[in-house]
Amino acid sequence: MASPSLSSASIAAIRTQRRTVASFRASNAAMRAQRRTVASFRENFKLPARLWEQREVLRCVDLHCGGEPATVVFGGGGVADAPGATMFAKRAHVMERMDRWREVLLHEPRGYPCSNVDYLVEPTLAGADAGFVIAEQAKIYPLMSGHNTICVATALVECGALPEDRRASFLLEAPGGPIPIAADVAADGRCERVTFGGTPSFVGKRDAVVRLDAAACAALALPATEVRVDVAYGGMWYVIVDAADLGLTLEPAEGARLRAVGELADAGAANGRFDAASRARARSGNRVRGRSERRSLVQGSAETSGRGREDVRTLAPRR
């Protein structure tokens, strides 16, 4: 008895199915090969020998605090062995003798203007668990920084650099003094929250009047060439300006002008362009101390949904 013949359409469908099955097999084989390749990468990865031979390898962890970045250096380059009887002295040594590492880490191609680096060093205070020296891109070495403190604490906790009984409560030493830390550590070892006690802060000048550059004020369409400022210390020296005094509001559209005003106020305070009454009130021990430790703040009020009015500040660092 003759077998029934297949139509040309059925034959074409069978051939298509066979090609599909073959394609699946090829795809699966390619995936298996890719997995083997990735596994090989993991097993065989190593840094070039020349890097180790040069002894110029830094062990770094990159973090951020609310979007502001920091690189914490756990060792390498000789920074951890910086000499000094105090953290302030260690900072001076790093700043004067080892500044090249700041350039390597914070200048392009590795860094950009907002970059920061924190070098872990041996503490000098009894009871301190770790010390650190802070550096910013424009050769600024602050005595204290809140976001850098949080990043250092997080790195120490999450990288296992602290004893188990010291992870939730420990003491850091910044160039500006001791900083007690309280960390909330999750079951998986993640640092969920950091609370710290800042170094002492104080006001150097209050309600001082600073003369601004007249040509710059005209270019920015500011209503005055003088502005009232406060000068305060909080790890760095800050020149604080009320935005409303210059007809400004804290909103994104005013961002460029706010930054420029911060620079103008900073320059005026640094150059001592205070009015006579402000100079008479100023105490000689509390003057602005120079570019390496100074920033400007433009502050004002803004409406926030459901929370009434709050004081809002925008940071305008001097470059």
Protein backbone atom coordinates (compact mmCIF):
# COMPACT_ATOMS: atom_id res chain seq x y z
CA MET A 1 0.00 0.00 0.00
CA ALA A 2 1.50 3.34 -1.01
CA SER A 3 2.20 5.88 1.70
CA PRO A 4 0.41 9.19 1.42
CA SER A 5 2.49 11.93 -0.16
CA LEU A 6 3.18 15.21 1.68
CA SER A 7 2.18 18.49 0.23
CA SER A 8 4.89 21.01 -0.65
CA ALA A 9 3.62 23.27 2.15
CA SER A 10 4.05 20.52 4.75
CA ILE A 11 7.55 19.77 3.54
CA ALA A 12 8.46 23.48 3.81
CA ALA A 13 7.04 23.63 7.36
CA ILE A 14 9.12 20.61 8.43
CA ARG A 15 12.27 22.14 6.98
CA THR A 16 11.58 25.43 8.81
CA GLN A 17 11.09 23.55 12.08
CA ARG A 18 14.37 21.73 11.61
CA ARG A 19 16.16 25.02 10.97
CA THR A 20 14.58 26.52 14.10
CA VAL A 21 15.72 23.56 16.25
CA ALA A 22 19.22 23.84 14.78
CA SER A 23 19.21 27.57 15.52
CA PHE A 24 18.22 26.92 19.15
CA ARG A 25 21.04 24.39 19.48
CA ALA A 26 23.55 26.85 18.02
CA SER A 27 22.32 29.61 20.35
CA ASN A 28 22.61 27.36 23.39
CA ALA A 29 26.12 26.33 22.36
CA ALA A 30 27.10 30.00 21.94
CA MET A 31 25.71 30.84 25.40
CA ARG A 32 27.65 27.97 26.98
CA ALA A 33 30.81 29.17 25.26
CA GLN A 34 30.19 32.72 26.52
CA ARG A 35 29.75 31.47 30.07
CA ARG A 36 33.03 29.59 29.81
CA THR A 37 34.69 32.75 28.52
CA VAL A 38 33.37 34.87 31.39
CA ALA A 39 34.47 32.22 33.90
CA SER A 40 37.90 32.23 32.28
CA PHE A 41 38.08 36.02 32.64
CA ARG A 42 37.30 35.75 36.34
CA GLU A 43 39.80 32.96 36.94
CA ASN A 44 42.65 34.44 34.92
CA PHE A 45 42.26 38.14 35.74
CA LYS A 46 45.34 39.83 37.15
CA LEU A 47 46.89 43.27 37.00
CA PRO A 48 49.96 43.69 34.77
CA ALA A 49 53.14 42.76 36.62
CA ARG A 50 54.72 46.14 35.87
CA LEU A 51 52.18 47.85 38.16
CA TRP A 52 53.19 45.71 41.12
CA GLU A 53 56.86 46.07 40.32
CA GLN A 54 56.58 49.85 40.45
CA ARG A 55 54.98 49.61 43.91
CA GLU A 56 52.62 52.42 42.91
CA VAL A 57 49.32 50.62 43.42
CA LEU A 58 46.63 52.37 45.46
CA ARG A 59 43.83 50.34 47.03
CA CYS A 60 40.74 52.49 46.57
CA VAL A 61 37.00 52.28 47.15
CA ASP A 62 34.67 54.70 45.36
CA LEU A 63 31.55 55.83 47.23
CA HIS A 64 29.08 58.68 47.25
CA CYS A 65 27.01 60.44 49.90
CA GLY A 66 23.79 61.87 48.53
CA GLY A 67 25.43 62.04 45.10
CA GLU A 68 28.65 63.74 46.24
CA PRO A 69 31.55 61.37 45.44
CA ALA A 70 34.61 60.35 47.40
CA THR A 71 37.46 57.89 46.83
CA VAL A 72 38.68 56.28 50.04
CA VAL A 73 42.31 55.12 49.79
CA PHE A 74 43.04 52.13 52.04
CA GLY A 75 46.73 51.99 51.24
CA GLY A 76 49.49 52.32 48.69
CA GLY A 77 51.71 55.13 47.55
CA GLY A 78 53.16 55.60 51.02
CA VAL A 79 50.30 57.88 52.10
CA ALA A 80 49.21 55.64 54.97
CA ASP A 81 52.67 56.05 56.51
CA ALA A 82 52.62 59.86 56.44
CA PRO A 83 54.56 61.09 59.50
CA GLY A 84 53.23 63.51 62.08
CA ALA A 85 52.46 63.70 65.78
CA THR A 86 48.96 65.04 65.04
CA MET A 87 46.48 64.57 62.20
CA PHE A 88 47.00 68.22 61.33
CA ALA A 89 50.73 67.50 60.88
CA LYS A 90 49.97 64.42 58.75
CA ARG A 91 47.73 66.60 56.59
CA ALA A 92 50.55 69.11 56.15
CA HIS A 93 52.94 66.34 55.09
CA VAL A 94 50.49 64.88 52.55
CA MET A 95 49.69 68.35 51.22
CA GLU A 96 53.32 69.44 50.86
CA ARG A 97 55.11 66.18 50.01
CA MET A 98 52.54 63.82 48.48
CA ASP A 99 50.22 66.12 46.54
CA ARG A 100 50.85 64.19 43.32
CA TRP A 101 48.37 61.53 44.44
CA ARG A 102 45.64 64.16 44.59
CA GLU A 103 46.49 65.08 41.00
CA VAL A 104 46.46 61.42 39.91
CA LEU A 105 43.11 60.63 41.54
CA LEU A 106 41.19 63.88 41.15
CA HIS A 107 42.37 65.35 37.86
CA GLU A 108 41.24 64.04 34.49
CA PRO A 109 40.92 61.35 33.30
CA ARG A 110 40.07 59.86 36.72
CA GLY A 111 38.50 62.86 38.40
CA TYR A 112 36.48 66.01 37.80
CA PRO A 113 35.80 69.24 39.78
CA CYS A 114 33.47 67.62 42.33
CA SER A 115 35.88 64.77 43.13
CA ASN A 116 37.24 64.16 46.63
CA VAL A 117 39.77 61.72 48.06
CA ASP A 118 40.18 60.49 51.64
CA TYR A 119 43.51 58.93 52.65
CA LEU A 120 43.29 56.52 55.58
CA VAL A 121 46.24 57.01 57.95
CA GLU A 122 47.19 55.86 61.42
CA PRO A 123 45.34 57.89 64.08
CA THR A 124 47.25 59.96 66.62
CA LEU A 125 44.56 60.22 69.31
CA ALA A 126 44.11 57.53 71.94
CA GLY A 127 40.93 55.58 71.31
CA ALA A 128 40.61 56.56 67.64
CA ASP A 129 39.98 53.67 65.24
CA ALA A 130 41.22 55.39 62.08
CA GLY A 131 42.49 58.73 60.85
CA PHE A 132 41.94 60.35 57.47
CA VAL A 133 43.23 63.27 55.42
CA ILE A 134 40.80 64.90 52.99
CA ALA A 135 41.74 66.39 49.60
CA GLU A 136 39.70 68.11 46.91
CA GLN A 137 40.53 68.77 43.28
CA ALA A 138 41.74 72.37 43.49
CA LYS A 139 44.49 71.59 46.06
CA ILE A 140 42.08 72.10 48.94
CA TYR A 141 42.73 70.01 52.06
CA PRO A 142 39.78 70.64 54.42
CA LEU A 143 40.15 70.10 58.14
CA MET A 144 36.72 68.48 58.23
CA SER A 145 34.03 67.47 55.72
CA GLY A 146 30.67 65.90 56.49
CA HIS A 147 30.16 63.92 53.29
CA ASN A 148 33.77 62.68 53.31
CA THR A 149 33.35 61.57 56.93
CA ILE A 150 30.24 59.57 55.99
CA CYS A 151 32.03 57.97 53.04
CA VAL A 152 35.05 57.01 55.16
CA ALA A 153 32.84 55.52 57.87
CA THR A 154 30.83 53.56 55.29
CA ALA A 155 33.98 52.19 53.62
CA LEU A 156 35.45 51.08 56.95
CA VAL A 157 32.23 49.32 57.94
CA GLU A 158 31.43 47.62 54.63
CA CYS A 159 35.00 46.62 53.74
CA GLY A 160 35.55 44.81 57.05
CA ALA A 161 38.27 47.16 58.25
CA LEU A 162 36.87 47.38 61.79
CA PRO A 163 36.50 44.72 64.50
CA GLU A 164 33.00 43.32 64.81
CA ASP A 165 32.42 45.08 68.13
CA ARG A 166 33.51 48.46 66.71
CA ARG A 167 31.37 48.63 63.58
CA ALA A 168 28.31 50.29 65.11
CA SER A 169 30.18 52.85 67.22
CA PHE A 170 33.71 54.05 66.61
CA LEU A 171 35.94 57.13 66.54
CA LEU A 172 37.50 58.76 63.50
CA GLU A 173 40.21 61.41 63.60
CA ALA A 174 40.15 64.20 61.01
CA PRO A 175 42.72 67.01 60.81
CA GLY A 176 40.13 69.18 62.56
CA GLY A 177 39.75 66.81 65.52
CA PRO A 178 37.96 63.64 66.71
CA ILE A 179 34.66 62.61 65.12
CA PRO A 180 32.48 60.07 66.97
CA ILE A 181 30.56 57.81 64.57
CA ALA A 182 27.33 55.85 65.04
CA ALA A 183 26.53 53.48 62.16
CA ASP A 184 23.38 51.47 61.49
CA VAL A 185 24.59 48.19 59.98
CA ALA A 186 22.15 45.86 58.20
CA ALA A 187 22.21 42.09 58.56
CA ASP A 188 23.99 41.74 55.20
CA GLY A 189 26.77 44.10 56.33
CA ARG A 190 25.54 47.14 54.45
CA CYS A 191 25.95 50.49 56.20
CA GLU A 192 22.44 51.96 56.09
CA ARG A 193 22.98 55.18 58.03
CA VAL A 194 25.84 57.17 59.55
CA THR A 195 25.53 59.76 62.31
CA PHE A 196 28.57 61.78 63.38
CA GLY A 197 29.48 64.48 65.86
CA GLY A 198 31.12 67.37 64.02
CA THR A 199 34.17 69.33 65.06
CA PRO A 200 33.59 72.69 66.83
CA SER A 201 32.16 75.47 64.64
CA PHE A 202 32.03 79.20 65.28
CA VAL A 203 31.24 82.57 63.70
CA GLY A 204 34.15 84.75 62.65
CA LYS A 205 32.20 87.77 61.37
CA ARG A 206 28.48 88.51 61.51
CA ASP A 207 26.54 91.03 59.41
CA ALA A 208 29.72 92.29 57.76
CA VAL A 209 29.32 94.30 54.55
CA VAL A 210 31.47 93.23 51.60
CA ARG A 211 32.07 95.32 48.49
CA LEU A 212 31.64 93.33 45.28
CA ASP A 213 33.27 93.88 41.93
CA ALA A 214 31.15 96.60 40.27
CA ALA A 215 31.64 95.39 36.68
CA ALA A 216 30.66 91.83 37.62
CA CYS A 217 27.57 93.09 39.47
CA ALA A 218 26.49 95.00 36.37
CA ALA A 219 27.02 91.96 34.16
CA LEU A 220 24.88 89.85 36.51
CA ALA A 221 22.21 92.58 36.78
CA LEU A 222 22.52 92.68 40.58
CA PRO A 223 20.74 95.54 42.36
CA ALA A 224 23.74 96.45 44.57
CA THR A 225 27.53 96.32 44.69
CA GLU A 226 27.63 95.60 48.43
CA VAL A 227 26.18 92.67 50.33
CA ARG A 228 25.82 91.62 53.96
CA VAL A 229 27.67 88.40 54.81
CA ASP A 230 28.46 86.14 57.74
CA VAL A 231 31.83 84.38 57.91
CA ALA A 232 31.76 81.12 59.86
CA TYR A 233 34.02 78.12 60.39
CA GLY A 234 32.81 74.53 60.16
CA GLY A 235 35.78 72.49 59.00
CA MET A 236 36.39 75.16 56.36
CA TRP A 237 35.73 78.90 56.34
CA TYR A 238 32.36 79.78 54.78
CA VAL A 239 31.19 83.16 53.48
CA ILE A 240 27.39 83.09 53.84
CA VAL A 241 25.14 85.36 51.75
CA ASP A 242 21.36 85.75 51.87
CA ALA A 243 20.16 85.44 48.27
CA ALA A 244 17.29 87.86 48.86
CA ASP A 245 19.76 90.67 49.63
CA LEU A 246 20.79 90.59 45.97
CA GLY A 247 17.33 90.01 44.53
CA LEU A 248 17.90 86.30 43.91
CA THR A 249 15.81 83.22 44.68
CA LEU A 250 16.96 79.64 45.13
CA GLU A 251 15.64 77.95 42.02
CA PRO A 252 17.29 76.06 39.15
CA ALA A 253 16.85 78.91 36.69
CA GLU A 254 19.06 81.11 38.91
CA GLY A 255 21.79 78.49 39.28
CA ALA A 256 24.46 80.27 37.22
CA ARG A 257 23.89 83.63 38.91
CA LEU A 258 23.87 82.07 42.39
CA ARG A 259 27.21 80.42 41.72
CA ALA A 260 28.67 83.64 40.36
CA VAL A 261 27.43 85.62 43.39
CA GLY A 262 29.08 83.06 45.66
CA GLU A 263 32.37 83.60 43.84
CA LEU A 264 32.01 87.39 44.07
CA ALA A 265 31.31 87.34 47.82
CA ASP A 266 34.15 84.87 48.37
CA ALA A 267 36.60 87.08 46.46
CA GLY A 268 35.45 90.21 48.29
CA ALA A 269 35.88 88.61 51.71
CA ALA A 270 39.25 87.09 50.80
CA ASN A 271 40.56 90.45 49.61
CA GLY A 272 39.36 92.20 52.77
CA ARG A 273 36.85 94.44 51.00
CA PHE A 274 34.77 95.00 54.16
CA ASP A 275 33.29 98.37 55.06
CA ALA A 276 34.85 100.36 57.91
CA ALA A 277 32.25 99.30 60.49
CA SER A 278 32.74 95.63 59.66
CA ARG A 279 36.52 95.94 59.93
CA ALA A 280 36.15 97.60 63.33
CA ARG A 281 33.97 94.75 64.61
CA ALA A 282 36.19 91.99 63.28
CA ARG A 283 38.46 90.19 65.70
CA SER A 284 41.95 89.60 64.35
CA GLY A 285 41.94 85.91 65.33
CA ASN A 286 38.86 85.12 63.24
CA ARG A 287 39.75 86.42 59.79
CA VAL A 288 39.24 84.46 56.61
CA ARG A 289 42.27 82.22 56.31
CA GLY A 290 42.80 81.83 52.59
CA ARG A 291 41.83 79.90 49.52
CA SER A 292 42.76 76.42 50.71
CA GLU A 293 40.07 76.49 53.41
CA ARG A 294 37.30 78.74 52.15
CA ARG A 295 33.94 78.32 50.42
CA SER A 296 30.91 80.49 49.85
CA LEU A 297 27.26 79.73 50.61
CA VAL A 298 24.25 81.47 49.10
CA GLN A 299 21.25 80.81 51.31
CA GLY A 300 17.56 81.59 51.20
CA SER A 301 14.09 80.11 51.63
CA ALA A 302 12.10 77.85 49.33
CA GLU A 303 8.66 76.29 49.44
CA THR A 304 8.72 72.52 50.00
CA SER A 305 5.64 70.37 49.49
CA GLY A 306 4.01 69.42 52.78
CA ARG A 307 6.83 70.77 54.93
CA GLY A 308 6.22 74.52 55.05
CA ARG A 309 9.21 76.81 54.56
CA GLU A 310 12.74 75.58 55.09
CA ASP A 311 16.15 77.14 54.97
CA VAL A 312 17.87 75.94 51.79
CA ARG A 313 21.54 76.43 50.99
CA THR A 314 23.46 75.93 47.77
CA LEU A 315 27.20 75.38 47.88
CA ALA A 316 29.39 77.40 45.55
CA PRO A 317 32.98 76.16 45.94
CA ARG A 318 35.84 78.41 44.96
CA ARG A 319 37.93 77.01 42.12
